[in-house]
């Protein structure tokens, strides 16, 4: 079976997931984010086509560690069959599995959760679910699938995660980007959407490392104190929320994928 995949990357001292061992990176997304590394992987390009059976050996190597296998990207739920294939294989080998998603494919998310394939889901909440703000950050929406429909899908995904939070660990991640996604009012709007979900909300500090867009590559990261102040403001308004702050995951290079045999 073929799929659009950038590679499989070992996670060493990952600030976001110290309990993870490997990230399987799916390419293609319905969000055209400009402020992230690997933005070229948001497209479905022929150069990213790989046989997913080759990735089973990587799972075999890392499952021995007892740490999480992460399937992310990109938006992995856009490639349902390859996602289910790799997730099923990982679970058969005894792996704990985390899936990262932007929430735009609630039907696939629900199917994956009902099948018991995910031990943990990370929902990437890039922006408030307000059309103008959401479109500005995500560049999502087309004539055939307007931004209002995508926002509705994300809300449905939030409700699905709420329903499955007893069986599946839920993490919600928002990257704080100066001049784009940084105002406390924006975070308050996100908090309103997720306040009833049993989850950890991660506020991640933006980094321009690996960002190719000229505008965002020139933006400095927010300070740790700034993130802490945002966290405190959100907790004041919603004291039931469990909020953490973190540095971002470092960008991957192609060379990173070639060192995995050393983990045998």
Protein backbone atom coordinates (compact mmCIF):
# COMPACT_ATOMS: atom_id res chain seq x y z
CA UNK A 1 0.00 0.00 0.00
CA UNK A 2 1.31 3.44 -0.95
CA UNK A 3 0.98 6.59 1.12
CA UNK A 4 2.33 10.12 1.29
CA UNK A 5 4.97 9.97 4.03
CA UNK A 6 7.98 12.16 4.78
CA UNK A 7 9.67 9.54 6.93
CA UNK A 8 9.99 7.99 10.36
CA UNK A 9 11.99 10.05 12.84
CA UNK A 10 13.40 9.11 16.24
CA UNK A 11 12.32 11.43 19.04
CA UNK A 12 15.27 12.05 21.33
CA UNK A 13 14.73 14.40 24.28
CA UNK A 14 11.57 15.69 22.63
CA UNK A 15 10.23 18.63 24.71
CA UNK A 16 6.65 17.81 23.78
CA UNK A 17 6.73 14.04 24.26
CA UNK A 18 9.55 12.72 26.47
CA UNK A 19 7.64 9.41 26.60
CA UNK A 20 7.72 8.96 22.79
CA UNK A 21 10.22 7.06 20.67
CA UNK A 22 9.34 7.72 17.03
CA UNK A 23 7.22 10.00 14.84
CA UNK A 24 5.79 8.67 11.58
CA UNK A 25 5.27 11.79 9.49
CA UNK A 26 2.31 11.77 7.06
CA UNK A 27 2.34 14.39 4.30
CA UNK A 28 -0.62 16.37 3.00
CA UNK A 29 -2.98 18.66 4.87
CA UNK A 30 -6.14 20.67 4.34
CA UNK A 31 -4.52 23.47 6.38
CA UNK A 32 -1.86 25.55 4.60
CA UNK A 33 0.03 26.77 7.65
CA UNK A 34 2.84 29.17 6.83
CA UNK A 35 4.39 29.45 10.28
CA UNK A 36 5.48 25.83 10.74
CA UNK A 37 8.59 23.87 9.73
CA UNK A 38 8.21 21.26 6.99
CA UNK A 39 5.49 23.33 5.31
CA UNK A 40 6.44 21.64 2.03
CA UNK A 41 4.98 18.46 3.52
CA UNK A 42 1.50 19.97 3.61
CA UNK A 43 1.20 19.11 -0.09
CA UNK A 44 0.54 15.72 -1.66
CA UNK A 45 3.69 15.46 -3.77
CA UNK A 46 4.91 12.46 -5.73
CA UNK A 47 8.31 12.68 -4.02
CA UNK A 48 6.63 11.75 -0.72
CA UNK A 49 5.02 8.53 -1.99
CA UNK A 50 6.30 5.51 -0.04
CA UNK A 51 5.29 1.92 0.55
CA UNK A 52 3.95 1.90 4.10
CA UNK A 53 5.06 -1.70 4.58
CA UNK A 54 8.61 -0.38 4.81
CA UNK A 55 7.63 1.49 7.97
CA UNK A 56 6.77 -1.68 9.87
CA UNK A 57 10.45 -2.33 10.54
CA UNK A 58 10.81 1.10 12.14
CA UNK A 59 7.91 0.33 14.45
CA UNK A 60 9.51 -3.03 15.28
CA UNK A 61 12.71 -1.25 16.36
CA UNK A 62 11.07 1.35 18.54
CA UNK A 63 8.28 -0.70 20.09
CA UNK A 64 10.93 -2.43 22.22
CA UNK A 65 11.41 0.79 24.17
CA UNK A 66 7.87 0.68 25.57
CA UNK A 67 7.42 4.34 24.60
CA UNK A 68 4.83 5.92 22.36
CA UNK A 69 4.74 5.68 18.58
CA UNK A 70 3.35 8.96 17.22
CA UNK A 71 1.55 9.30 13.90
CA UNK A 72 1.45 12.94 12.86
CA UNK A 73 2.20 15.29 10.00
CA UNK A 74 0.63 16.96 7.99
CA UNK A 75 -2.85 15.63 8.61
CA UNK A 76 -2.73 11.82 8.86
CA UNK A 77 -6.51 11.41 9.01
CA UNK A 78 -6.69 12.48 5.35
CA UNK A 79 -5.10 9.10 4.50
CA UNK A 80 -7.43 6.80 6.38
CA UNK A 81 -6.39 3.41 5.00
CA UNK A 82 -2.61 3.89 5.47
CA UNK A 83 -3.21 5.38 8.92
CA UNK A 84 -5.33 2.44 10.05
CA UNK A 85 -2.83 -0.02 8.57
CA UNK A 86 0.15 1.42 10.47
CA UNK A 87 -1.84 2.06 13.65
CA UNK A 88 -3.16 -1.51 13.64
CA UNK A 89 0.32 -2.91 13.06
CA UNK A 90 1.76 -0.81 15.89
CA UNK A 91 -0.95 -1.98 18.29
CA UNK A 92 -0.43 -5.61 17.24
CA UNK A 93 3.23 -5.25 18.19
CA UNK A 94 2.24 -3.94 21.62
CA UNK A 95 3.00 -0.27 21.00
CA UNK A 96 1.28 2.63 22.70
CA UNK A 97 0.01 4.93 19.96
CA UNK A 98 -0.58 8.67 19.73
CA UNK A 99 -2.27 10.34 16.77
CA UNK A 100 -1.93 14.06 16.06
CA UNK A 101 -4.77 15.70 14.13
CA UNK A 102 -6.16 19.12 13.27
CA UNK A 103 -9.70 17.85 13.84
CA UNK A 104 -10.97 18.41 10.31
CA UNK A 105 -11.94 14.74 9.79
CA UNK A 106 -14.27 13.84 12.68
CA UNK A 107 -15.68 10.71 11.03
CA UNK A 108 -12.22 9.19 10.66
CA UNK A 109 -11.31 10.25 14.20
CA UNK A 110 -14.43 8.60 15.59
CA UNK A 111 -13.72 5.40 13.67
CA UNK A 112 -10.14 5.24 14.93
CA UNK A 113 -11.22 5.80 18.53
CA UNK A 114 -14.06 3.26 18.36
CA UNK A 115 -11.54 0.72 17.04
CA UNK A 116 -9.32 1.32 20.06
CA UNK A 117 -6.31 2.20 17.91
CA UNK A 118 -5.25 5.36 19.76
CA UNK A 119 -4.06 5.50 23.35
CA UNK A 120 -3.60 9.24 23.05
CA UNK A 121 -4.89 11.92 20.67
CA UNK A 122 -3.37 15.36 20.30
CA UNK A 123 -5.75 17.91 18.78
CA UNK A 124 -3.89 20.78 17.16
CA UNK A 125 -5.98 23.87 17.91
CA UNK A 126 -4.21 26.40 15.75
CA UNK A 127 -6.71 29.23 16.21
CA UNK A 128 -10.06 30.25 17.69
CA UNK A 129 -13.02 28.75 15.87
CA UNK A 130 -14.01 32.14 14.50
CA UNK A 131 -14.02 32.23 10.68
CA UNK A 132 -11.80 35.26 10.07
CA UNK A 133 -9.23 34.33 12.72
CA UNK A 134 -9.27 30.65 11.84
CA UNK A 135 -8.79 31.31 8.13
CA UNK A 136 -5.98 33.79 8.76
CA UNK A 137 -3.97 31.28 10.80
CA UNK A 138 -4.73 28.04 8.95
CA UNK A 139 -5.30 29.30 5.38
CA UNK A 140 -7.98 26.61 5.28
CA UNK A 141 -11.14 26.62 3.22
CA UNK A 142 -11.96 26.25 -0.46
CA UNK A 143 -14.94 26.85 -2.72
CA UNK A 144 -15.92 23.21 -2.25
CA UNK A 145 -15.25 23.13 1.49
CA UNK A 146 -15.68 26.57 3.09
CA UNK A 147 -14.04 27.51 6.34
CA UNK A 148 -17.37 27.40 8.22
CA UNK A 149 -17.68 23.70 7.38
CA UNK A 150 -14.14 23.00 8.57
CA UNK A 151 -14.79 24.83 11.84
CA UNK A 152 -17.95 22.76 12.32
CA UNK A 153 -15.89 19.61 11.78
CA UNK A 154 -13.34 20.70 14.39
CA UNK A 155 -16.14 21.29 16.89
CA UNK A 156 -17.48 17.83 16.15
CA UNK A 157 -14.02 16.39 16.76
CA UNK A 158 -13.86 18.20 20.10
CA UNK A 159 -17.15 16.58 21.10
CA UNK A 160 -15.88 13.16 19.98
CA UNK A 161 -12.77 13.58 22.11
CA UNK A 162 -14.96 14.63 25.03
CA UNK A 163 -16.95 11.40 24.65
CA UNK A 164 -13.81 9.23 24.55
CA UNK A 165 -11.73 11.03 27.18
CA UNK A 166 -12.29 8.24 29.73
CA UNK A 167 -10.65 5.67 27.45
CA UNK A 168 -8.19 7.85 25.52
CA UNK A 169 -5.74 10.44 26.80
CA UNK A 170 -6.46 13.81 25.18
CA UNK A 171 -4.02 16.65 24.65
CA UNK A 172 -4.87 19.93 22.96
CA UNK A 173 -1.97 21.91 21.54
CA UNK A 174 -1.87 25.59 20.60
CA UNK A 175 1.27 27.29 19.33
CA UNK A 176 1.65 30.89 20.47
CA UNK A 177 2.92 32.86 17.47
CA UNK A 178 3.76 36.58 17.85
CA UNK A 179 1.74 38.79 15.49
CA UNK A 180 -0.51 35.84 14.57
CA UNK A 181 -1.81 33.79 17.52
CA UNK A 182 -0.74 35.48 20.73
CA UNK A 183 -3.54 37.60 22.22
CA UNK A 184 -5.12 36.45 25.45
CA UNK A 185 -8.53 37.08 23.89
CA UNK A 186 -7.72 34.49 21.21
CA UNK A 187 -6.79 31.95 23.86
CA UNK A 188 -9.94 32.75 25.83
CA UNK A 189 -11.98 31.86 22.74
CA UNK A 190 -10.16 28.54 22.38
CA UNK A 191 -10.64 27.89 26.10
CA UNK A 192 -14.40 28.32 25.69
CA UNK A 193 -14.40 25.60 23.03
CA UNK A 194 -12.40 23.06 25.06
CA UNK A 195 -13.37 23.87 28.65
CA UNK A 196 -15.53 20.76 29.07
CA UNK A 197 -13.00 18.30 27.62
CA UNK A 198 -10.95 16.19 30.00
CA UNK A 199 -7.60 17.14 28.51
CA UNK A 200 -4.25 18.82 28.97
CA UNK A 201 -3.93 22.06 27.03
CA UNK A 202 -0.37 22.66 25.83
CA UNK A 203 0.70 26.21 25.03
CA UNK A 204 3.76 25.82 22.83
CA UNK A 205 6.30 28.55 22.23
CA UNK A 206 6.72 29.44 18.57
CA UNK A 207 10.15 28.98 17.03
CA UNK A 208 11.23 30.17 13.56
CA UNK A 209 13.67 27.25 13.26
CA UNK A 210 13.02 25.38 10.02
CA UNK A 211 10.31 27.83 8.87
CA UNK A 212 10.72 28.67 5.18
CA UNK A 213 8.12 31.43 4.86
CA UNK A 214 10.13 34.67 4.86
CA UNK A 215 7.68 36.58 7.02
CA UNK A 216 7.39 34.01 9.80
CA UNK A 217 11.04 33.02 9.62
CA UNK A 218 11.85 36.53 10.82
CA UNK A 219 9.58 36.44 13.87
CA UNK A 220 11.27 35.98 17.23
CA UNK A 221 9.88 33.44 19.72
CA UNK A 222 7.75 34.74 22.59
CA UNK A 223 9.44 34.71 25.97
CA UNK A 224 8.77 31.99 28.52
CA UNK A 225 7.41 34.66 30.86
CA UNK A 226 4.92 35.75 28.19
CA UNK A 227 3.66 32.17 27.86
CA UNK A 228 3.36 31.83 31.62
CA UNK A 229 1.33 35.05 31.82
CA UNK A 230 -1.02 33.78 29.12
CA UNK A 231 -1.39 30.52 31.01
CA UNK A 232 -2.20 32.36 34.24
CA UNK A 233 -4.79 34.56 32.51
CA UNK A 234 -6.51 31.50 31.03
CA UNK A 235 -6.54 29.69 34.39
CA UNK A 236 -8.10 32.74 36.05
CA UNK A 237 -10.93 32.62 33.54
CA UNK A 238 -11.21 28.81 33.45
CA UNK A 239 -9.69 27.35 36.64
CA UNK A 240 -10.80 23.83 35.69
CA UNK A 241 -8.40 23.75 32.73
CA UNK A 242 -5.10 21.90 33.08
CA UNK A 243 -2.61 24.01 31.11
CA UNK A 244 1.09 23.45 30.48
CA UNK A 245 3.73 25.39 28.55
CA UNK A 246 6.44 23.88 26.39
CA UNK A 247 9.15 24.54 23.84
CA UNK A 248 8.41 23.22 20.33
CA UNK A 249 9.64 20.04 18.73
CA UNK A 250 12.83 20.59 16.72
CA UNK A 251 12.50 20.32 12.93
CA UNK A 252 13.60 17.07 11.31
CA UNK A 253 16.07 16.65 8.50
CA UNK A 254 16.20 13.80 6.01
CA UNK A 255 19.39 12.63 7.68
CA UNK A 256 17.53 12.14 10.96
CA UNK A 257 15.58 9.28 9.41
CA UNK A 258 18.70 7.34 8.51
CA UNK A 259 20.02 6.85 12.01
CA UNK A 260 17.32 4.52 13.23
CA UNK A 261 19.31 1.31 12.81
CA UNK A 262 21.45 2.54 15.70
CA UNK A 263 18.47 1.94 18.00
CA UNK A 264 18.53 -1.85 17.57
